[in-house]
Every structure is written in structure tokens, then in C-alpha cells.
N, C-alpha and C. Protein backbone atom coordinates (compact mmCIF):
# COMPACT_ATOMS: atom_id res chain seq x y z
N MET A 1 -0.65 -4.33 -8.46
CA MET A 1 -1.46 -3.16 -8.00
C MET A 1 -0.56 -2.24 -7.19
N VAL A 2 0.26 -2.75 -6.29
CA VAL A 2 1.08 -1.88 -5.42
C VAL A 2 2.12 -1.13 -6.31
N GLU A 3 2.60 -1.79 -7.39
CA GLU A 3 3.54 -1.11 -8.23
C GLU A 3 2.79 0.13 -8.92
N ARG A 4 1.60 -0.08 -9.32
CA ARG A 4 0.80 1.02 -9.94
C ARG A 4 0.68 2.17 -9.00
N VAL A 5 0.31 1.84 -7.71
CA VAL A 5 0.18 2.93 -6.76
C VAL A 5 1.49 3.62 -6.49
N THR A 6 2.58 2.84 -6.53
CA THR A 6 3.96 3.47 -6.26
C THR A 6 4.25 4.41 -7.41
N ARG A 7 3.99 4.07 -8.61
CA ARG A 7 4.21 4.89 -9.80
C ARG A 7 3.36 6.22 -9.69
N GLU A 8 2.07 6.00 -9.31
CA GLU A 8 1.20 7.16 -9.20
C GLU A 8 1.75 8.06 -8.07
N MET A 9 2.23 7.48 -7.01
CA MET A 9 2.75 8.27 -5.81
C MET A 9 3.98 9.09 -6.33
N ASP A 10 4.88 8.46 -7.04
CA ASP A 10 6.02 9.17 -7.52
C ASP A 10 5.68 10.32 -8.50
N ALA A 11 4.52 10.21 -9.24
CA ALA A 11 4.08 11.24 -10.22
C ALA A 11 3.09 12.24 -9.56
N ALA A 12 2.82 12.06 -8.23
CA ALA A 12 1.80 12.87 -7.58
C ALA A 12 2.23 14.41 -7.63
N ALA A 13 1.22 15.26 -7.71
CA ALA A 13 1.33 16.66 -7.92
C ALA A 13 1.94 17.31 -6.64
N ASP A 14 1.64 16.72 -5.48
CA ASP A 14 2.05 17.36 -4.25
C ASP A 14 2.12 16.25 -3.14
N ILE A 15 2.67 16.67 -1.96
CA ILE A 15 2.88 15.75 -0.93
C ILE A 15 1.61 15.14 -0.34
N ASP A 16 0.52 15.95 -0.34
CA ASP A 16 -0.75 15.42 0.15
C ASP A 16 -1.31 14.31 -0.64
N ALA A 17 -1.15 14.44 -2.01
CA ALA A 17 -1.61 13.38 -2.90
C ALA A 17 -0.70 12.20 -2.82
N ALA A 18 0.54 12.35 -2.65
CA ALA A 18 1.47 11.30 -2.48
C ALA A 18 1.21 10.47 -1.16
N ASP A 19 0.84 11.25 -0.08
CA ASP A 19 0.59 10.64 1.11
C ASP A 19 -0.70 9.89 1.06
N ALA A 20 -1.77 10.31 0.40
CA ALA A 20 -3.03 9.62 0.29
C ALA A 20 -2.72 8.29 -0.51
N LEU A 21 -1.87 8.39 -1.57
CA LEU A 21 -1.55 7.19 -2.28
C LEU A 21 -0.78 6.19 -1.43
N TRP A 22 0.12 6.66 -0.63
CA TRP A 22 0.83 5.88 0.25
C TRP A 22 -0.05 5.05 1.20
N ARG A 23 -1.06 5.78 1.77
CA ARG A 23 -2.04 5.15 2.66
C ARG A 23 -2.81 4.04 1.89
N LYS A 24 -3.19 4.35 0.67
CA LYS A 24 -3.97 3.37 -0.14
C LYS A 24 -3.07 2.15 -0.43
N GLY A 25 -1.79 2.33 -0.69
CA GLY A 25 -0.85 1.13 -0.91
C GLY A 25 -0.72 0.37 0.37
N ALA A 26 -0.65 0.96 1.48
CA ALA A 26 -0.48 0.32 2.75
C ALA A 26 -1.77 -0.54 2.97
N GLU A 27 -2.92 0.01 2.66
CA GLU A 27 -4.18 -0.67 2.90
C GLU A 27 -4.24 -1.98 1.98
N ILE A 28 -3.76 -1.81 0.77
CA ILE A 28 -3.68 -3.00 -0.13
C ILE A 28 -2.84 -4.09 0.42
N ILE A 29 -1.63 -3.70 0.92
CA ILE A 29 -0.72 -4.68 1.51
C ILE A 29 -1.33 -5.32 2.75
N ARG A 30 -1.91 -4.53 3.64
CA ARG A 30 -2.54 -5.09 4.85
C ARG A 30 -3.61 -6.10 4.47
N ALA A 31 -4.48 -5.76 3.53
CA ALA A 31 -5.56 -6.60 3.10
C ALA A 31 -4.99 -7.92 2.54
N TYR A 32 -3.95 -7.80 1.73
CA TYR A 32 -3.32 -8.98 1.17
C TYR A 32 -2.78 -9.94 2.30
N LEU A 33 -2.05 -9.31 3.25
CA LEU A 33 -1.51 -10.15 4.34
C LEU A 33 -2.55 -10.80 5.17
N ALA A 34 -3.64 -10.05 5.45
CA ALA A 34 -4.74 -10.56 6.25
C ALA A 34 -5.43 -11.79 5.51
N GLU A 35 -5.53 -11.62 4.23
CA GLU A 35 -6.12 -12.74 3.44
C GLU A 35 -5.24 -13.97 3.36
N HIS A 36 -4.00 -13.78 3.14
CA HIS A 36 -3.13 -14.89 2.88
C HIS A 36 -2.40 -15.41 4.13
N PHE A 37 -2.33 -14.57 5.15
CA PHE A 37 -1.64 -14.98 6.40
C PHE A 37 -2.45 -14.59 7.58
N PRO A 38 -3.59 -15.17 7.78
CA PRO A 38 -4.46 -14.73 8.89
C PRO A 38 -3.89 -15.02 10.33
N GLU A 39 -2.91 -15.86 10.42
CA GLU A 39 -2.42 -16.19 11.77
C GLU A 39 -0.92 -15.69 11.75
N PRO A 40 -0.50 -14.99 12.82
CA PRO A 40 0.89 -14.57 12.88
C PRO A 40 1.85 -15.71 12.74
N THR A 41 3.00 -15.47 12.02
CA THR A 41 3.98 -16.49 11.91
C THR A 41 4.92 -16.57 13.10
N CYS A 42 5.70 -17.65 13.21
CA CYS A 42 6.61 -17.80 14.35
C CYS A 42 7.90 -17.03 14.16
N HIS A 43 8.23 -16.61 13.01
CA HIS A 43 9.52 -15.93 12.84
C HIS A 43 9.36 -14.43 12.68
């Protein structure tokens, strides 16, 4: 899913669209990390 967002970001018509896609990708990553790693790691 993140790869798809990255491709869409690269093809975005302008910087505002690319920025919105960047935020969407960051949200996907944060949600994944929160689901799979709910506790901070020691390293």
C-alpha cells in the first residue's frame, strides 16, 4: 500500500497533491507500527 502511495505521490500534478499523499503514507505507516509494535522497543 505504501508503494502505491509513493507512486501516486511521484505522479502527482502539484506539490499540494504530493504533500497530501505523503501525509496519507505517513498515517499508514504509523497505523501499522501502532498495530504491530504497541510498546516502544529498547533499541
